[in-house]
Amino acid sequence: MKIKKIEALTLPVSDLIRATRFYHEVFNLPLIQEDHTQKISTMRCGQQFLNLTEATNFTPINLGLRIIVGDNLSDVLNHLKSYFVEFVSEEPTKSIGLEGYLLSVKIKDLDGNIIEVATYSDR
């Protein structure tokens, strides 16, 4: 079997409306579909879908995501601060990504999942 890509990621959330607003506003993810009856929102995140589902008996899963942005990291920091996002690490760290070296900061979403917001340092 040859996996080509991950097309969708489903993330359980405690409050669908708040989580949808967070991901849509903070990360500017386009909302593709929202169904309050089924308690699911679908957004486009690059070449993948991010599905948010409201869990009846929500248990935090502490998921870790890395989001690659095309902006300067100092602009990203200012943007995140303007939304009063909780930082895990505001000091940029360097790591290796699929396409080179990354500079990133880590934040938490509303349910405590860690999101690494990264940019390629050589671009």
Protein backbone atom coordinates (compact mmCIF):
# COMPACT_ATOMS: atom_id res chain seq x y z
CA MET A 1 0.00 0.00 0.00
CA LYS A 2 1.26 3.47 -0.89
CA ILE A 3 -0.31 6.26 1.12
CA LYS A 4 -0.40 9.47 -0.91
CA LYS A 5 -1.54 11.91 1.76
CA ILE A 6 -3.73 12.46 4.78
CA GLU A 7 -6.86 14.08 3.41
CA ALA A 8 -8.76 14.76 6.62
CA LEU A 9 -8.16 14.99 10.33
CA THR A 10 -11.04 14.76 12.81
CA LEU A 11 -10.63 16.57 16.11
CA PRO A 12 -13.13 16.10 18.96
CA VAL A 13 -14.00 19.38 20.69
CA SER A 14 -15.97 20.33 23.78
CA ASP A 15 -17.89 23.20 22.14
CA LEU A 16 -18.35 23.09 18.37
CA ILE A 17 -19.39 26.72 17.93
CA ARG A 18 -16.45 28.10 19.94
CA ALA A 19 -13.94 25.74 18.30
CA THR A 20 -15.20 26.54 14.79
CA ARG A 21 -14.91 30.24 15.50
CA PHE A 22 -11.39 29.80 16.95
CA TYR A 23 -9.99 27.86 13.96
CA HIS A 24 -11.81 30.03 11.43
CA GLU A 25 -10.77 33.37 12.93
CA VAL A 26 -7.31 32.65 14.35
CA PHE A 27 -6.07 30.56 11.41
CA ASN A 28 -8.34 31.99 8.70
CA LEU A 29 -9.49 28.49 7.72
CA PRO A 30 -12.36 28.57 5.23
CA LEU A 31 -15.51 26.94 6.57
CA ILE A 32 -16.66 24.34 4.04
CA GLN A 33 -19.62 22.84 5.88
CA GLU A 34 -21.27 23.22 9.27
CA ASP A 35 -23.97 20.87 10.56
CA HIS A 36 -25.22 21.59 14.08
CA THR A 37 -27.55 18.57 13.98
CA GLN A 38 -24.65 16.18 13.33
CA LYS A 39 -22.37 18.41 15.45
CA ILE A 40 -19.60 18.69 12.86
CA SER A 41 -17.78 21.52 11.10
CA THR A 42 -15.47 20.99 8.15
CA MET A 43 -12.76 23.48 7.25
CA ARG A 44 -10.02 23.52 4.65
CA CYS A 45 -6.50 23.53 6.07
CA GLY A 46 -4.09 23.64 3.13
CA GLN A 47 -4.66 20.45 1.14
CA GLN A 48 -6.54 18.71 3.98
CA PHE A 49 -9.87 18.97 5.71
CA LEU A 50 -10.06 19.63 9.43
CA ASN A 51 -13.27 18.15 10.82
CA LEU A 52 -14.33 19.39 14.24
CA THR A 53 -16.84 17.17 16.02
CA GLU A 54 -18.53 17.99 19.30
CA ALA A 55 -18.14 15.03 21.61
CA THR A 56 -21.02 14.19 23.95
CA ASN A 57 -18.71 13.03 26.75
CA PHE A 58 -15.68 15.12 25.83
CA THR A 59 -12.29 13.93 27.04
CA PRO A 60 -9.25 16.02 26.06
CA ILE A 61 -6.89 14.03 23.84
CA ASN A 62 -3.90 16.41 23.85
CA LEU A 63 -3.43 16.22 20.12
CA GLY A 64 -0.39 17.91 18.61
CA LEU A 65 -0.65 19.65 15.24
CA ARG A 66 1.95 21.49 13.18
CA ILE A 67 0.64 24.18 10.88
CA ILE A 68 2.99 25.66 8.28
CA VAL A 69 2.37 29.32 7.49
CA GLY A 70 3.77 31.50 4.74
CA ASP A 71 4.13 34.58 6.94
CA ASN A 72 7.05 36.01 8.86
CA LEU A 73 7.12 34.53 12.37
CA SER A 74 7.10 37.95 14.07
CA ASP A 75 3.91 38.82 12.16
CA VAL A 76 2.44 35.47 13.21
CA LEU A 77 3.26 36.19 16.86
CA ASN A 78 1.55 39.58 16.67
CA HIS A 79 -1.49 38.01 15.00
CA LEU A 80 -1.80 35.29 17.66
CA LYS A 81 -1.38 37.82 20.47
CA SER A 82 -4.18 39.94 19.00
CA TYR A 83 -6.51 36.96 19.56
CA PHE A 84 -5.22 36.45 23.13
CA VAL A 85 -4.20 32.90 22.28
CA GLU A 86 -2.55 30.91 25.09
CA PHE A 87 1.11 30.27 24.33
CA VAL A 88 2.94 27.12 25.38
CA SER A 89 6.17 28.59 24.05
CA GLU A 90 6.35 32.13 22.73
CA GLU A 91 10.10 31.88 22.15
CA PRO A 92 10.70 30.58 18.59
CA THR A 93 12.30 27.15 18.41
CA LYS A 94 14.15 25.58 15.50
CA SER A 95 13.41 22.09 14.19
CA ILE A 96 13.46 20.10 10.98
CA GLY A 97 10.41 19.84 8.75
CA LEU A 98 9.79 17.90 5.56
CA GLU A 99 11.14 20.72 3.40
CA GLY A 100 13.92 22.20 5.55
CA TYR A 101 14.46 24.01 8.84
CA LEU A 102 11.50 25.46 10.71
CA LEU A 103 11.05 28.26 13.21
CA SER A 104 7.96 27.79 15.32
CA VAL A 105 5.96 28.80 18.36
CA LYS A 106 3.49 26.61 20.23
CA ILE A 107 0.00 27.57 21.35
CA LYS A 108 -3.04 25.82 22.80
CA ASP A 109 -6.49 25.71 21.29
CA LEU A 110 -9.60 26.06 23.45
CA ASP A 111 -9.46 22.38 24.48
CA GLY A 112 -5.76 22.33 25.31
CA ASN A 113 -4.50 20.73 22.10
CA ILE A 114 -1.02 21.96 21.22
CA ILE A 115 -0.62 23.64 17.86
CA GLU A 116 2.85 24.33 16.55
CA VAL A 117 2.71 27.30 14.18
CA ALA A 118 5.78 27.12 11.98
CA THR A 119 7.46 28.80 9.05
CA TYR A 120 10.40 27.60 6.99
CA SER A 121 13.39 29.66 8.12
CA ASP A 122 15.19 29.51 4.77
CA ARG A 123 12.39 31.16 2.78
